[in-house]
Amino acid sequence: LVLNLLFCLFYAGRMQRLVKDLLKQLQVQDSHKASALDRILGEVARILEKENAADQAAFHAAGGFAALEQILQAAIASTNLNAISRIPAKSLCGTINVYHLACSNCAENCTYVLFSNRITFLMDLLMHQLTVYVPDDLNATLGRAANKQVFEGLTTGVLRIMAGVFGCLISSVPYGNNQTCAPKLLQEMKNKTSPIEAFNGRIQDLISYVVNIGLIEKLSCCFLSVQGPIDENPKIAAFLQNATAALQGLCQLCFAVSGRSGGIFDHSRQDPTGFTAAFKATDLVGVLHMLYCILFHGTIADANAASPKESYAENTIQVALQSLRLFNSFAILDLPAFQSIVGAEGLSLAFRHIVSSLLWHCSQHTCEALLHEVIVCVGYFTVNHPDNQVIVQSGRHPTVLQKLCQLPFQYFSDPRLIKVLFPTLIAACFNNPQNKIILEQEMSSILLATFIQDFTQDSSQADNQPVQQRERITSSQDYLELSNRFPRQTWEEARQFFLKKEKK
């Protein structure tokens, strides 16, 4: 114990010295400044790479975030493409990397970044980079003339920090009477608001700020500028992954603070931040268009000529996976908006091609995570939406619905995989006799009726549990649960529908 304490004190002292050295270098004007800065940043990064909470806390306590922010001010100081930054791009990227490591899986530091408004500086830095490289005149470019430098390390690095901070905040959201997940900074606030109110208020302010400065529109321009393969462009792939991850985090935070007790099917939704409206105005921030282009190497205008590639490179698959996660998070936030955007003429055809192609890829290669996101997304697209149900059973054979019904046997026998697939089949076929007939060519619809019956019984048992246990179950927000993918009030009607035999 004494040895551990000595180690902690040693590293805390070392961290304090390194942060002081960082600040000193900012005052130096000689030619060796950049190399000295890189050396110190490298040393800090090596300590923080271990993701030791004590090291991250020591970095925060030593004023590390303030020092990093001072360095990054140099990027904002260069107001146009030709301006020479006082600090080289390599050093700025090193600074961003240290910032990311200081926040990585550290709830205390992420909460500090949120409540100290350092997150607003990061937003301003990101917006500055996008403003420099992405033209304002959308009429002339439709977002397709973004300077390729926007995909360089600094912008991607800021998006990576945002994605990491948002993800960490989501996992530590305070809920109900349980404050154990509320980080110390929330608990020690000196005002009279509860941790939940303080957290919700700050998140809503942050999302409103993101919308009001035009960040969603700028990111949309970046996504629309990608019109071909990214297999040979790891920098573009990294930008797309981190940008979609950051947007997904915002969707999840927006849902977490929305106060909707009825979950995904609660239609009494409000949009005080304007976040959902921004997603509608930009057709899901241009992500669906981008995904179509990287998969089919053409634009949505050529959707009728689309044919899947033999296989996709890992970069493409990772961007596709993160894009589907974004779609699913937005569907949870505002299902009617998601269904109307993706179900619109043109986009619905592109969506069908994307889903069909990814299902085909997953049948040839092992990528369970992607397959499951695709399956869940089809469920959100079709649930209680007759027009979208038609889209998944139309087109080239095998159709999307047929491909889902032809998944490997484990998806019809393994309880873990049944839980992924069956809610989507229920959503795609409920109250649609034609889709049900297609389904019954591959499997018995009685299996879906039995699945609903089992969930109904489990749900009744959960309702009889003590309030604390129920709260814990609902707080997990398991999006694979049937109640989060098909409205509970229609379970019995759906069970009867799948028991009934259709006349062929």
Protein backbone atom coordinates (compact mmCIF):
# COMPACT_ATOMS: atom_id res chain seq x y z
CA LEU A 1 0.00 0.00 0.00
CA VAL A 2 2.83 2.40 0.94
CA LEU A 3 4.64 1.50 -2.30
CA ASN A 4 1.49 2.24 -4.34
CA LEU A 5 1.10 5.58 -2.58
CA LEU A 6 4.72 6.49 -3.34
CA PHE A 7 4.21 5.59 -7.01
CA CYS A 8 1.06 7.77 -7.15
CA LEU A 9 2.90 10.70 -5.58
CA PHE A 10 5.84 10.23 -7.96
CA TYR A 11 3.59 10.23 -11.07
CA ALA A 12 1.51 13.15 -9.77
CA GLY A 13 4.70 15.17 -9.23
CA ARG A 14 6.03 14.15 -12.64
CA MET A 15 2.74 15.12 -14.30
CA GLN A 16 2.79 18.51 -12.57
CA ARG A 17 6.34 19.14 -13.84
CA LEU A 18 5.40 18.13 -17.41
CA VAL A 19 2.37 20.44 -17.47
CA LYS A 20 4.57 23.32 -16.20
CA ASP A 21 7.07 22.53 -18.98
CA LEU A 22 4.25 22.67 -21.53
CA LEU A 23 3.23 26.12 -20.37
CA LYS A 24 6.87 27.29 -20.40
CA GLN A 25 7.30 26.18 -24.02
CA LEU A 26 4.34 28.33 -25.05
CA GLN A 27 6.32 31.41 -23.97
CA VAL A 28 9.46 30.37 -25.89
CA GLN A 29 9.96 31.91 -29.35
CA ASP A 30 13.06 30.04 -30.62
CA SER A 31 13.27 27.51 -33.47
CA HIS A 32 13.53 24.52 -31.12
CA LYS A 33 10.13 25.22 -29.56
CA ALA A 34 8.19 22.68 -31.67
CA SER A 35 10.56 19.78 -31.02
CA ALA A 36 10.59 20.50 -27.27
CA LEU A 37 6.78 20.67 -27.27
CA ASP A 38 6.54 17.35 -29.14
CA ARG A 39 8.92 15.72 -26.65
CA ILE A 40 6.85 16.83 -23.63
CA LEU A 41 3.55 15.86 -25.29
CA GLY A 42 5.01 12.44 -26.13
CA GLU A 43 6.04 11.92 -22.51
CA VAL A 44 2.57 12.87 -21.22
CA ALA A 45 0.94 10.59 -23.82
CA ARG A 46 3.08 7.62 -22.74
CA ILE A 47 1.88 8.06 -19.14
CA LEU A 48 -1.79 8.52 -20.09
CA GLU A 49 -1.83 5.63 -22.60
CA LYS A 50 -2.13 3.22 -19.64
CA GLU A 51 -5.59 4.71 -18.90
CA ASN A 52 -4.76 4.77 -15.20
CA ALA A 53 -7.44 6.86 -13.45
CA ALA A 54 -4.88 8.27 -10.97
CA ASP A 55 -2.67 9.55 -13.83
CA GLN A 56 -5.67 11.11 -15.58
CA ALA A 57 -6.75 12.76 -12.30
CA ALA A 58 -3.19 14.05 -11.75
CA PHE A 59 -3.15 15.52 -15.25
CA HIS A 60 -6.44 17.34 -14.55
CA ALA A 61 -5.27 18.55 -11.11
CA ALA A 62 -2.02 19.90 -12.57
CA GLY A 63 -3.97 22.15 -14.97
CA GLY A 64 -3.34 19.92 -17.97
CA PHE A 65 -6.55 20.77 -19.80
CA ALA A 66 -5.89 24.52 -19.52
CA ALA A 67 -2.39 23.99 -20.94
CA LEU A 68 -3.70 21.95 -23.89
CA GLU A 69 -6.34 24.56 -24.60
CA GLN A 70 -3.68 27.28 -24.73
CA ILE A 71 -1.74 25.28 -27.32
CA LEU A 72 -4.87 24.65 -29.41
CA GLN A 73 -5.67 28.39 -29.43
CA ALA A 74 -2.93 28.58 -32.07
CA ALA A 75 -5.13 26.63 -34.51
CA ILE A 76 -8.00 29.10 -34.11
CA ALA A 77 -5.55 32.01 -34.46
CA SER A 78 -4.87 30.96 -38.09
CA THR A 79 -8.03 32.28 -39.74
CA ASN A 80 -7.45 31.19 -43.34
CA LEU A 81 -5.77 28.50 -45.39
CA ASN A 82 -2.65 30.57 -46.04
CA ALA A 83 -2.03 31.66 -42.45
CA ILE A 84 0.99 30.03 -40.83
CA SER A 85 0.14 28.65 -37.41
CA ARG A 86 2.57 29.55 -34.62
CA ILE A 87 2.56 25.85 -33.71
CA PRO A 88 3.06 23.15 -36.42
CA ALA A 89 0.19 20.80 -37.34
CA LYS A 90 2.14 17.81 -35.96
CA SER A 91 2.31 19.43 -32.51
CA LEU A 92 -1.38 20.35 -32.62
CA CYS A 93 -2.26 16.72 -33.47
CA GLY A 94 -0.04 15.57 -30.58
CA THR A 95 -1.94 17.94 -28.29
CA ILE A 96 -5.28 16.55 -29.47
CA ASN A 97 -4.01 13.00 -28.84
CA VAL A 98 -3.06 13.86 -25.24
CA TYR A 99 -6.50 15.46 -24.76
CA HIS A 100 -8.14 12.25 -25.98
CA LEU A 101 -6.01 10.07 -23.67
CA ALA A 102 -6.76 12.31 -20.67
CA CYS A 103 -10.52 11.78 -21.23
CA SER A 104 -10.48 8.15 -22.39
CA ASN A 105 -12.85 6.11 -20.19
CA CYS A 106 -12.44 8.67 -17.39
CA ALA A 107 -15.87 9.84 -16.16
CA GLU A 108 -14.36 12.46 -13.84
CA ASN A 109 -12.39 14.20 -16.60
CA CYS A 110 -15.22 13.93 -19.16
CA THR A 111 -17.65 15.48 -16.67
CA TYR A 112 -15.12 18.23 -15.96
CA VAL A 113 -14.76 18.94 -19.70
CA LEU A 114 -18.57 19.22 -19.93
CA PHE A 115 -19.20 21.36 -16.84
CA SER A 116 -16.13 23.60 -17.21
CA ASN A 117 -17.27 24.49 -20.74
CA ARG A 118 -14.02 23.19 -22.21
CA ILE A 119 -16.29 21.14 -24.47
CA THR A 120 -17.51 24.44 -25.98
CA PHE A 121 -13.94 25.36 -26.89
CA LEU A 122 -13.59 21.99 -28.66
CA MET A 123 -16.80 22.70 -30.59
CA ASP A 124 -15.46 26.13 -31.58
CA LEU A 125 -12.16 24.59 -32.68
CA LEU A 126 -14.00 21.99 -34.77
CA MET A 127 -16.26 24.63 -36.28
CA HIS A 128 -13.22 26.77 -37.08
CA GLN A 129 -11.56 23.91 -38.96
CA LEU A 130 -14.75 23.14 -40.89
CA THR A 131 -15.33 26.82 -41.72
CA VAL A 132 -11.79 27.12 -43.11
CA TYR A 133 -12.05 24.04 -45.32
CA VAL A 134 -15.76 23.77 -46.18
CA PRO A 135 -17.27 26.57 -48.31
CA ASP A 136 -20.35 28.41 -47.09
CA ASP A 137 -21.89 28.68 -50.54
CA LEU A 138 -23.93 25.48 -50.61
CA ASN A 139 -25.77 26.57 -53.76
CA ALA A 140 -22.54 26.48 -55.72
CA THR A 141 -21.20 23.23 -54.32
CA LEU A 142 -23.97 21.31 -52.55
CA GLY A 143 -21.21 20.44 -50.10
CA ARG A 144 -19.22 18.57 -52.70
CA ALA A 145 -16.19 20.88 -52.84
CA ALA A 146 -14.87 20.47 -49.28
CA ASN A 147 -11.11 20.93 -49.19
CA LYS A 148 -9.55 17.49 -48.63
CA GLN A 149 -7.43 18.98 -45.82
CA VAL A 150 -10.57 18.83 -43.67
CA PHE A 151 -9.91 15.09 -43.38
CA GLU A 152 -6.44 15.63 -41.91
CA GLY A 153 -5.56 14.73 -38.32
CA LEU A 154 -6.64 17.80 -36.36
CA THR A 155 -10.33 17.78 -37.33
CA THR A 156 -10.55 14.00 -36.98
CA GLY A 157 -8.81 14.22 -33.60
CA VAL A 158 -11.34 16.72 -32.22
CA LEU A 159 -14.20 14.50 -33.42
CA ARG A 160 -12.51 11.55 -31.71
CA ILE A 161 -12.36 13.45 -28.41
CA MET A 162 -16.04 14.39 -28.75
CA ALA A 163 -17.06 10.79 -29.48
CA GLY A 164 -15.06 9.55 -26.48
CA VAL A 165 -16.39 12.21 -24.09
CA PHE A 166 -20.01 11.69 -25.19
CA GLY A 167 -19.69 7.91 -24.87
CA CYS A 168 -18.26 8.22 -21.36
CA LEU A 169 -20.96 10.70 -20.30
CA ILE A 170 -23.71 8.37 -21.56
CA SER A 171 -22.35 5.52 -19.44
CA SER A 172 -22.34 7.79 -16.35
CA VAL A 173 -25.73 9.49 -16.80
CA PRO A 174 -27.40 9.91 -13.38
CA TYR A 175 -30.92 8.43 -13.31
CA GLY A 176 -33.75 7.88 -10.85
CA ASN A 177 -32.69 7.79 -7.21
CA ASN A 178 -29.40 6.15 -8.10
CA GLN A 179 -26.56 8.66 -7.89
CA THR A 180 -23.72 6.13 -7.81
CA CYS A 181 -23.04 6.68 -11.50
CA ALA A 182 -23.02 10.47 -11.14
CA PRO A 183 -19.39 11.61 -11.20
CA LYS A 184 -17.98 13.54 -8.25
CA LEU A 185 -18.19 16.91 -9.95
CA LEU A 186 -21.98 16.61 -10.22
CA GLN A 187 -22.31 15.50 -6.60
CA GLU A 188 -20.20 18.38 -5.29
CA MET A 189 -22.00 21.16 -7.15
CA LYS A 190 -22.80 23.97 -4.77
CA ASN A 191 -26.16 24.95 -6.23
CA LYS A 192 -29.54 23.55 -5.27
CA THR A 193 -30.25 21.60 -8.46
CA SER A 194 -30.01 17.83 -8.36
CA PRO A 195 -27.27 16.05 -10.35
CA ILE A 196 -29.90 14.94 -12.87
CA GLU A 197 -31.17 18.49 -13.45
CA ALA A 198 -27.64 19.88 -13.66
CA PHE A 199 -26.57 17.18 -16.14
CA ASN A 200 -29.72 17.48 -18.28
CA GLY A 201 -29.52 21.27 -18.39
CA ARG A 202 -25.87 21.28 -19.44
CA ILE A 203 -26.40 18.63 -22.13
CA GLN A 204 -29.39 20.50 -23.57
CA ASP A 205 -27.34 23.71 -23.66
CA LEU A 206 -24.51 21.88 -25.42
CA ILE A 207 -26.78 20.32 -28.07
CA SER A 208 -28.51 23.67 -28.68
CA TYR A 209 -25.07 25.24 -29.15
CA VAL A 210 -24.04 22.54 -31.66
CA VAL A 211 -27.21 23.20 -33.67
CA ASN A 212 -27.04 27.01 -33.47
CA ILE A 213 -23.43 27.35 -34.66
CA GLY A 214 -24.29 25.27 -37.76
CA LEU A 215 -22.06 22.29 -36.92
CA ILE A 216 -24.60 19.74 -38.23
CA GLU A 217 -24.77 21.49 -41.63
CA LYS A 218 -20.96 21.71 -41.89
CA LEU A 219 -20.57 17.99 -41.11
CA SER A 220 -23.27 17.25 -43.68
CA CYS A 221 -21.17 19.07 -46.31
CA CYS A 222 -18.19 16.87 -45.39
CA PHE A 223 -20.23 13.66 -45.72
CA LEU A 224 -21.69 14.78 -49.06
CA SER A 225 -18.19 15.52 -50.38
CA VAL A 226 -17.31 11.80 -50.15
CA GLN A 227 -18.50 10.33 -53.44
CA GLY A 228 -16.44 7.24 -54.00
CA PRO A 229 -14.45 4.42 -52.39
CA ILE A 230 -12.43 5.03 -49.23
CA ASP A 231 -10.50 1.75 -49.26
CA GLU A 232 -7.24 3.55 -50.07
CA ASN A 233 -8.02 6.60 -47.91
CA PRO A 234 -7.53 5.72 -44.23
CA LYS A 235 -7.62 9.42 -43.24
CA ILE A 236 -11.07 9.91 -44.79
CA ALA A 237 -12.24 6.63 -43.24
CA ALA A 238 -11.02 7.77 -39.79
CA PHE A 239 -12.81 11.12 -40.19
CA LEU A 240 -16.09 9.42 -41.19
CA GLN A 241 -15.89 6.92 -38.31
CA ASN A 242 -15.24 9.57 -35.68
CA ALA A 243 -17.77 12.04 -37.09
CA THR A 244 -20.55 9.41 -37.11
CA ALA A 245 -19.52 8.27 -33.61
CA ALA A 246 -19.71 11.87 -32.31
CA LEU A 247 -23.16 12.33 -33.89
CA GLN A 248 -24.31 9.02 -32.41
CA GLY A 249 -23.16 10.21 -28.98
CA LEU A 250 -25.18 13.41 -29.39
CA CYS A 251 -28.28 11.36 -30.34
CA GLN A 252 -27.87 9.18 -27.25
CA LEU A 253 -27.34 12.16 -24.95
CA CYS A 254 -30.34 13.93 -26.47
CA PHE A 255 -32.51 10.87 -25.74
CA ALA A 256 -31.06 10.49 -22.23
CA VAL A 257 -32.09 14.01 -21.24
CA SER A 258 -35.41 14.09 -23.14
CA GLY A 259 -37.38 12.83 -20.11
CA ARG A 260 -39.45 10.46 -22.24
CA SER A 261 -40.56 7.73 -19.85
CA GLY A 262 -42.40 5.83 -22.60
CA GLY A 263 -39.22 5.06 -24.53
CA ILE A 264 -38.95 4.83 -28.30
CA PHE A 265 -42.72 4.63 -28.97
CA ASP A 266 -43.60 7.63 -26.80
CA HIS A 267 -44.82 10.14 -29.39
CA SER A 268 -45.05 13.08 -26.98
CA ARG A 269 -41.57 14.14 -28.06
CA GLN A 270 -40.36 17.69 -28.10
CA ASP A 271 -37.28 19.13 -29.77
CA PRO A 272 -36.24 22.18 -27.72
CA THR A 273 -32.66 22.00 -28.99
CA GLY A 274 -33.58 21.83 -32.71
CA PHE A 275 -31.38 18.72 -33.01
CA THR A 276 -33.98 16.49 -34.70
CA ALA A 277 -34.97 19.32 -37.05
CA ALA A 278 -31.31 19.68 -38.12
CA PHE A 279 -31.12 15.94 -38.88
CA LYS A 280 -34.32 16.22 -40.96
CA ALA A 281 -33.09 19.27 -42.86
CA THR A 282 -29.83 17.50 -43.81
CA ASP A 283 -31.28 14.03 -44.53
CA LEU A 284 -29.48 12.39 -41.59
CA VAL A 285 -26.48 14.75 -41.95
CA GLY A 286 -25.74 13.28 -45.40
CA VAL A 287 -24.54 10.01 -43.82
CA LEU A 288 -26.93 7.80 -45.84
CA HIS A 289 -25.71 9.43 -49.06
CA MET A 290 -22.07 8.97 -48.02
CA LEU A 291 -22.62 5.31 -47.14
CA TYR A 292 -24.24 4.63 -50.50
CA CYS A 293 -21.32 6.28 -52.32
CA ILE A 294 -18.58 4.35 -50.49
CA LEU A 295 -20.39 1.02 -50.99
CA PHE A 296 -21.43 1.46 -54.64
CA HIS A 297 -18.89 4.05 -55.87
CA GLY A 298 -21.60 6.24 -57.38
CA THR A 299 -24.24 8.71 -56.27
CA ILE A 300 -27.81 8.07 -55.10
CA ALA A 301 -28.99 9.38 -58.48
CA ASP A 302 -27.64 6.12 -60.00
CA ALA A 303 -29.34 3.90 -57.40
CA ASN A 304 -31.18 1.79 -60.01
CA ALA A 305 -27.86 0.65 -61.50
CA ALA A 306 -26.38 -0.39 -58.15
CA SER A 307 -24.73 -3.78 -57.85
CA PRO A 308 -22.87 -5.02 -54.78
CA LYS A 309 -19.09 -5.48 -54.80
CA GLU A 310 -17.65 -8.93 -54.17
CA SER A 311 -16.37 -7.77 -50.78
CA TYR A 312 -15.64 -4.60 -48.86
CA ALA A 313 -12.37 -3.49 -47.28
CA GLU A 314 -12.12 -3.21 -43.49
CA ASN A 315 -12.15 0.62 -43.60
CA THR A 316 -15.46 0.57 -45.46
CA ILE A 317 -17.00 -2.00 -43.10
CA GLN A 318 -16.02 0.02 -40.03
CA VAL A 319 -17.58 3.20 -41.47
CA ALA A 320 -20.71 1.20 -42.40
CA LEU A 321 -20.93 -0.21 -38.86
CA GLN A 322 -20.65 3.21 -37.23
CA SER A 323 -23.14 4.70 -39.70
CA LEU A 324 -25.73 2.02 -38.85
CA ARG A 325 -25.17 2.70 -35.15
CA LEU A 326 -25.92 6.36 -35.84
CA PHE A 327 -29.12 5.47 -37.74
CA ASN A 328 -30.30 3.24 -34.90
CA SER A 329 -29.54 5.88 -32.26
CA PHE A 330 -31.47 8.49 -34.22
CA ALA A 331 -34.38 6.04 -34.68
CA ILE A 332 -34.54 5.60 -30.90
CA LEU A 333 -34.48 9.39 -30.47
CA ASP A 334 -37.21 10.12 -33.03
CA LEU A 335 -38.67 7.08 -34.80
CA PRO A 336 -41.23 8.95 -36.98
CA ALA A 337 -38.51 11.34 -38.19
CA PHE A 338 -36.15 8.44 -39.00
CA GLN A 339 -38.86 6.54 -40.89
CA SER A 340 -39.96 9.58 -42.91
CA ILE A 341 -36.39 10.63 -43.85
CA VAL A 342 -35.21 7.16 -44.90
CA GLY A 343 -38.59 6.24 -46.41
CA ALA A 344 -38.59 9.27 -48.75
CA GLU A 345 -38.39 8.72 -52.50
CA GLY A 346 -34.79 8.23 -53.60
CA LEU A 347 -33.38 7.67 -50.12
CA SER A 348 -35.58 4.60 -49.55
CA LEU A 349 -34.18 2.96 -52.67
CA ALA A 350 -30.62 3.77 -51.59
CA PHE A 351 -31.36 2.42 -48.10
CA ARG A 352 -32.71 -0.83 -49.55
CA HIS A 353 -29.58 -1.26 -51.71
CA ILE A 354 -27.30 -0.55 -48.73
CA VAL A 355 -29.09 -3.02 -46.43
CA SER A 356 -29.29 -5.71 -49.12
CA SER A 357 -25.60 -5.35 -49.96
CA LEU A 358 -24.49 -5.43 -46.31
CA LEU A 359 -26.67 -8.49 -45.60
CA TRP A 360 -25.02 -10.19 -48.58
CA HIS A 361 -21.54 -9.22 -47.34
CA CYS A 362 -22.33 -10.55 -43.86
CA SER A 363 -23.43 -13.87 -45.37
CA GLN A 364 -19.97 -14.24 -46.94
CA HIS A 365 -17.84 -12.88 -44.08
CA THR A 366 -18.04 -13.05 -40.30
CA CYS A 367 -19.04 -9.62 -39.01
CA GLU A 368 -21.72 -10.16 -36.37
CA ALA A 369 -21.69 -6.61 -35.01
CA LEU A 370 -22.50 -5.13 -38.43
CA LEU A 371 -25.13 -7.77 -39.20
CA HIS A 372 -26.94 -7.10 -35.92
CA GLU A 373 -26.99 -3.32 -36.50
CA VAL A 374 -28.42 -3.90 -40.00
CA ILE A 375 -31.12 -6.24 -38.64
CA VAL A 376 -32.13 -3.79 -35.90
CA CYS A 377 -32.18 -0.89 -38.40
CA VAL A 378 -34.57 -2.74 -40.74
CA GLY A 379 -36.86 -3.25 -37.75
CA TYR A 380 -36.91 0.45 -36.90
CA PHE A 381 -37.47 1.29 -40.57
CA THR A 382 -40.56 -0.93 -40.88
CA VAL A 383 -42.25 -0.98 -37.46
CA ASN A 384 -45.82 0.34 -37.75
CA HIS A 385 -45.01 1.72 -41.22
CA PRO A 386 -46.87 -0.04 -44.11
CA ASP A 387 -45.07 1.91 -46.88
CA ASN A 388 -41.64 0.98 -45.55
CA GLN A 389 -42.76 -2.66 -45.14
CA VAL A 390 -43.35 -2.70 -48.91
CA ILE A 391 -39.81 -1.42 -49.57
CA VAL A 392 -38.15 -4.40 -47.83
CA GLN A 393 -40.10 -6.95 -49.91
CA SER A 394 -39.59 -5.23 -53.28
CA GLY A 395 -36.63 -5.09 -55.64
CA ARG A 396 -34.17 -7.66 -56.89
CA HIS A 397 -34.51 -11.20 -55.49
CA PRO A 398 -33.64 -12.25 -52.90
CA THR A 399 -35.24 -9.16 -51.33
CA VAL A 400 -34.21 -7.72 -47.96
CA LEU A 401 -37.04 -9.62 -46.27
CA GLN A 402 -36.06 -12.88 -47.97
CA LYS A 403 -32.41 -12.41 -46.95
CA LEU A 404 -33.48 -11.92 -43.33
CA CYS A 405 -35.56 -15.12 -43.49
CA GLN A 406 -32.58 -16.99 -44.98
CA LEU A 407 -30.08 -16.13 -42.25
CA PRO A 408 -28.14 -19.08 -40.75
CA PHE A 409 -30.07 -21.61 -38.65
CA GLN A 410 -28.61 -20.24 -35.38
CA TYR A 411 -30.75 -17.10 -35.79
CA PHE A 412 -33.82 -19.34 -35.45
CA SER A 413 -32.50 -21.61 -32.69
CA ASP A 414 -30.03 -19.72 -30.44
CA PRO A 415 -31.95 -17.55 -27.90
CA ARG A 416 -29.29 -14.80 -28.07
CA LEU A 417 -29.60 -14.50 -31.86
CA ILE A 418 -33.39 -15.02 -31.93
CA LYS A 419 -33.62 -11.92 -29.73
CA VAL A 420 -31.83 -9.94 -32.47
CA LEU A 421 -33.77 -11.23 -35.50
CA PHE A 422 -37.36 -11.97 -34.44
CA PRO A 423 -38.40 -8.43 -33.37
CA THR A 424 -37.37 -7.20 -36.85
CA LEU A 425 -39.33 -9.96 -38.59
CA ILE A 426 -42.35 -9.06 -36.43
CA ALA A 427 -41.97 -5.36 -37.32
CA ALA A 428 -41.54 -6.08 -41.05
CA CYS A 429 -44.54 -8.42 -41.33
CA PHE A 430 -47.14 -7.31 -38.75
CA ASN A 431 -50.46 -6.42 -40.39
CA ASN A 432 -48.93 -7.06 -43.83
CA PRO A 433 -50.33 -10.34 -45.22
CA GLN A 434 -48.06 -10.23 -48.30
CA ASN A 435 -44.90 -9.98 -46.19
CA LYS A 436 -46.20 -12.71 -43.91
CA ILE A 437 -46.67 -15.05 -46.91
CA ILE A 438 -43.03 -14.37 -47.96
CA LEU A 439 -41.92 -15.10 -44.39
CA GLU A 440 -43.85 -18.39 -44.28
CA GLN A 441 -42.01 -19.64 -47.38
CA GLU A 442 -38.92 -19.87 -45.15
CA MET A 443 -40.27 -20.40 -41.61
CA SER A 444 -43.45 -20.85 -39.58
CA SER A 445 -44.96 -17.58 -38.33
CA ILE A 446 -46.07 -19.49 -35.22
CA LEU A 447 -42.44 -19.15 -34.05
CA LEU A 448 -42.94 -15.37 -33.92
CA ALA A 449 -46.23 -15.78 -32.02
CA THR A 450 -44.47 -18.01 -29.46
CA PHE A 451 -41.64 -15.48 -29.14
CA ILE A 452 -44.15 -12.70 -28.37
CA GLN A 453 -45.93 -14.96 -25.85
CA ASP A 454 -42.65 -15.66 -24.02
CA PHE A 455 -41.83 -11.95 -23.85
CA THR A 456 -45.32 -11.16 -22.57
CA GLN A 457 -44.84 -13.59 -19.67
CA ASP A 458 -41.36 -12.25 -18.88
CA SER A 459 -42.72 -8.70 -18.96
CA SER A 460 -45.49 -9.60 -16.50
CA GLN A 461 -42.90 -11.04 -14.09
CA ALA A 462 -40.80 -7.85 -14.40
CA ASP A 463 -43.86 -5.73 -13.55
CA ASN A 464 -44.25 -7.66 -10.30
CA GLN A 465 -40.66 -6.97 -9.20
CA PRO A 466 -39.77 -4.29 -6.63
CA VAL A 467 -39.46 -0.76 -7.99
CA GLN A 468 -35.66 -0.65 -7.49
CA GLN A 469 -35.17 -3.77 -9.62
CA ARG A 470 -37.52 -2.49 -12.33
CA GLU A 471 -35.64 0.82 -12.39
CA ARG A 472 -32.38 -1.03 -12.89
CA ILE A 473 -33.84 -3.01 -15.79
CA THR A 474 -35.26 0.04 -17.57
CA SER A 475 -32.09 2.05 -16.99
CA SER A 476 -30.05 -0.47 -18.97
CA GLN A 477 -31.98 0.62 -22.09
CA ASP A 478 -31.28 -2.68 -23.83
CA TYR A 479 -32.27 -1.78 -27.35
CA LEU A 480 -32.55 -5.44 -28.35
CA GLU A 481 -35.52 -5.98 -26.03
CA LEU A 482 -38.84 -6.48 -27.82
CA SER A 483 -40.43 -3.56 -25.91
CA ASN A 484 -37.81 -1.22 -27.44
CA ARG A 485 -38.42 -2.51 -30.97
CA PHE A 486 -42.14 -3.22 -31.15
CA PRO A 487 -44.87 -1.36 -29.17
CA ARG A 488 -45.98 -3.30 -26.11
CA GLN A 489 -49.64 -2.35 -26.57
CA THR A 490 -49.74 -4.28 -29.89
CA TRP A 491 -48.09 -7.48 -28.65
CA GLU A 492 -51.32 -9.42 -28.26
CA GLU A 493 -52.70 -8.24 -31.61
CA ALA A 494 -49.39 -9.24 -33.26
CA ARG A 495 -49.45 -12.65 -31.55
CA GLN A 496 -52.94 -13.29 -32.95
CA PHE A 497 -51.86 -12.09 -36.42
CA PHE A 498 -48.94 -14.54 -36.59
CA LEU A 499 -51.09 -17.43 -35.32
CA LYS A 500 -53.67 -16.87 -38.07
CA LYS A 501 -53.18 -18.73 -41.37
CA GLU A 502 -53.11 -16.56 -44.50
CA LYS A 503 -55.01 -17.57 -47.64
CA LYS A 504 -52.48 -17.89 -50.43
